[in-house]
Structures are given as C-alpha cells and as structure tokens.
C-alpha cells in the first residue's frame, strides 16, 4: 500500500495542521523541490491541483 510522504504547496491553506509539508515561494520553486524530492526519496510525485503536489512512497 502506498504512503503519503509529504505535501508540497505554494499556498499554506492547502495543508491541514499536522501534515508533513513544504511551502514553496513560487511555482518554479515548487516544481524544483518536487522533482528533487521525487528522485532523492525514490518516490512518485503527483500533481493534485495547481500549486499542490503529493509525494507518495509505493515501496
């Protein structure tokens, strides 16, 4: 079963309290962080909507 590792967003209102999340300053920074974490953690990144990505571990 897949596990949500982290959420990444440009808008803090997208994240509920207690969630593991990174807040990016821009869409460009968001995409760069998402790509890096996907590779570093050997996980999959999924775009949920503009400005919001989810990193999922499927191992």
C-alpha atoms as a PDB file:
ATOM      1  CA  UNK A   1       0.000   0.000   0.000  1.00  0.00           C
ATOM      2  CA  UNK A   2       1.227   3.489  -0.840  1.00  0.00           C
ATOM      3  CA  UNK A   3       2.110   6.016   1.860  1.00  0.00           C
ATOM      4  CA  UNK A   4       1.877   9.787   1.580  1.00  0.00           C
ATOM      5  CA  UNK A   5       5.340  11.055   2.471  1.00  0.00           C
ATOM      6  CA  UNK A   6       4.896  14.796   2.064  1.00  0.00           C
ATOM      7  CA  UNK A   7       2.801  17.547   0.542  1.00  0.00           C
ATOM      8  CA  UNK A   8       4.330  20.487  -1.305  1.00  0.00           C
ATOM      9  CA  UNK A   9       2.436  23.686  -1.984  1.00  0.00           C
ATOM     10  CA  UNK A  10       2.672  27.381  -2.716  1.00  0.00           C
ATOM     11  CA  UNK A  11      -0.448  28.076  -0.622  1.00  0.00           C
ATOM     12  CA  UNK A  12      -0.365  27.085   3.079  1.00  0.00           C
ATOM     13  CA  UNK A  13      -4.180  26.974   3.198  1.00  0.00           C
ATOM     14  CA  UNK A  14      -3.960  23.777   1.099  1.00  0.00           C
ATOM     15  CA  UNK A  15      -2.400  21.940   4.061  1.00  0.00           C
ATOM     16  CA  UNK A  16      -4.147  20.766   7.215  1.00  0.00           C
ATOM     17  CA  UNK A  17      -2.464  21.054  10.603  1.00  0.00           C
ATOM     18  CA  UNK A  18      -0.117  18.200  11.402  1.00  0.00           C
ATOM     19  CA  UNK A  19       0.641  17.305   7.775  1.00  0.00           C
ATOM     20  CA  UNK A  20       4.247  16.929   6.665  1.00  0.00           C
ATOM     21  CA  UNK A  21       4.589  19.743   4.150  1.00  0.00           C
ATOM     22  CA  UNK A  22       6.939  22.147   2.439  1.00  0.00           C
ATOM     23  CA  UNK A  23       5.786  25.601   1.393  1.00  0.00           C
ATOM     24  CA  UNK A  24       7.420  26.975  -1.760  1.00  0.00           C
ATOM     25  CA  UNK A  25       7.631  30.686  -2.565  1.00  0.00           C
ATOM     26  CA  UNK A  26       6.823  30.256  -6.256  1.00  0.00           C
ATOM     27  CA  UNK A  27       5.522  27.714  -8.763  1.00  0.00           C
ATOM     28  CA  UNK A  28       9.056  27.329 -10.149  1.00  0.00           C
ATOM     29  CA  UNK A  29      10.487  26.553  -6.704  1.00  0.00           C
ATOM     30  CA  UNK A  30       7.596  24.135  -6.095  1.00  0.00           C
ATOM     31  CA  UNK A  31       8.369  22.183  -9.256  1.00  0.00           C
ATOM     32  CA  UNK A  32      12.107  22.099  -8.489  1.00  0.00           C
ATOM     33  CA  UNK A  33      11.534  20.832  -4.931  1.00  0.00           C
ATOM     34  CA  UNK A  34       9.041  18.247  -6.146  1.00  0.00           C
ATOM     35  CA  UNK A  35      11.438  16.896  -8.770  1.00  0.00           C
ATOM     36  CA  UNK A  36      14.353  16.763  -6.328  1.00  0.00           C
ATOM     37  CA  UNK A  37      12.394  15.009  -3.575  1.00  0.00           C
ATOM     38  CA  UNK A  38      10.946  12.526  -6.040  1.00  0.00           C
ATOM     39  CA  UNK A  39      14.477  11.498  -7.059  1.00  0.00           C
ATOM     40  CA  UNK A  40      16.108  11.682  -3.614  1.00  0.00           C
ATOM     41  CA  UNK A  41      13.369   9.700  -1.847  1.00  0.00           C
ATOM     42  CA  UNK A  42      12.801   7.307  -4.782  1.00  0.00           C
ATOM     43  CA  UNK A  43       9.101   8.116  -4.637  1.00  0.00           C
ATOM     44  CA  UNK A  44       6.387   9.260  -7.029  1.00  0.00           C
ATOM     45  CA  UNK A  45       5.141  12.838  -7.257  1.00  0.00           C
ATOM     46  CA  UNK A  46       1.524  13.564  -8.134  1.00  0.00           C
ATOM     47  CA  UNK A  47       0.049  16.946  -9.006  1.00  0.00           C
ATOM     48  CA  UNK A  48      -3.254  17.279  -7.175  1.00  0.00           C
ATOM     49  CA  UNK A  49      -4.015  20.760  -8.495  1.00  0.00           C
ATOM     50  CA  UNK A  50      -2.146  23.926  -9.417  1.00  0.00           C
ATOM     51  CA  UNK A  51       0.236  24.702  -6.569  1.00  0.00           C
ATOM     52  CA  UNK A  52      -0.200  21.369  -4.760  1.00  0.00           C
ATOM     53  CA  UNK A  53       1.822  18.158  -5.123  1.00  0.00           C
ATOM     54  CA  UNK A  54       1.895  14.943  -3.112  1.00  0.00           C
ATOM     55  CA  UNK A  55       4.972  12.716  -2.713  1.00  0.00           C
ATOM     56  CA  UNK A  56       3.982   9.035  -2.391  1.00  0.00           C
ATOM     57  CA  UNK A  57       6.139   6.039  -1.430  1.00  0.00           C
ATOM     58  CA  UNK A  58       4.953   2.877  -3.174  1.00  0.00           C
ATOM     59  CA  UNK A  59       7.581   0.501  -1.756  1.00  0.00           C
END
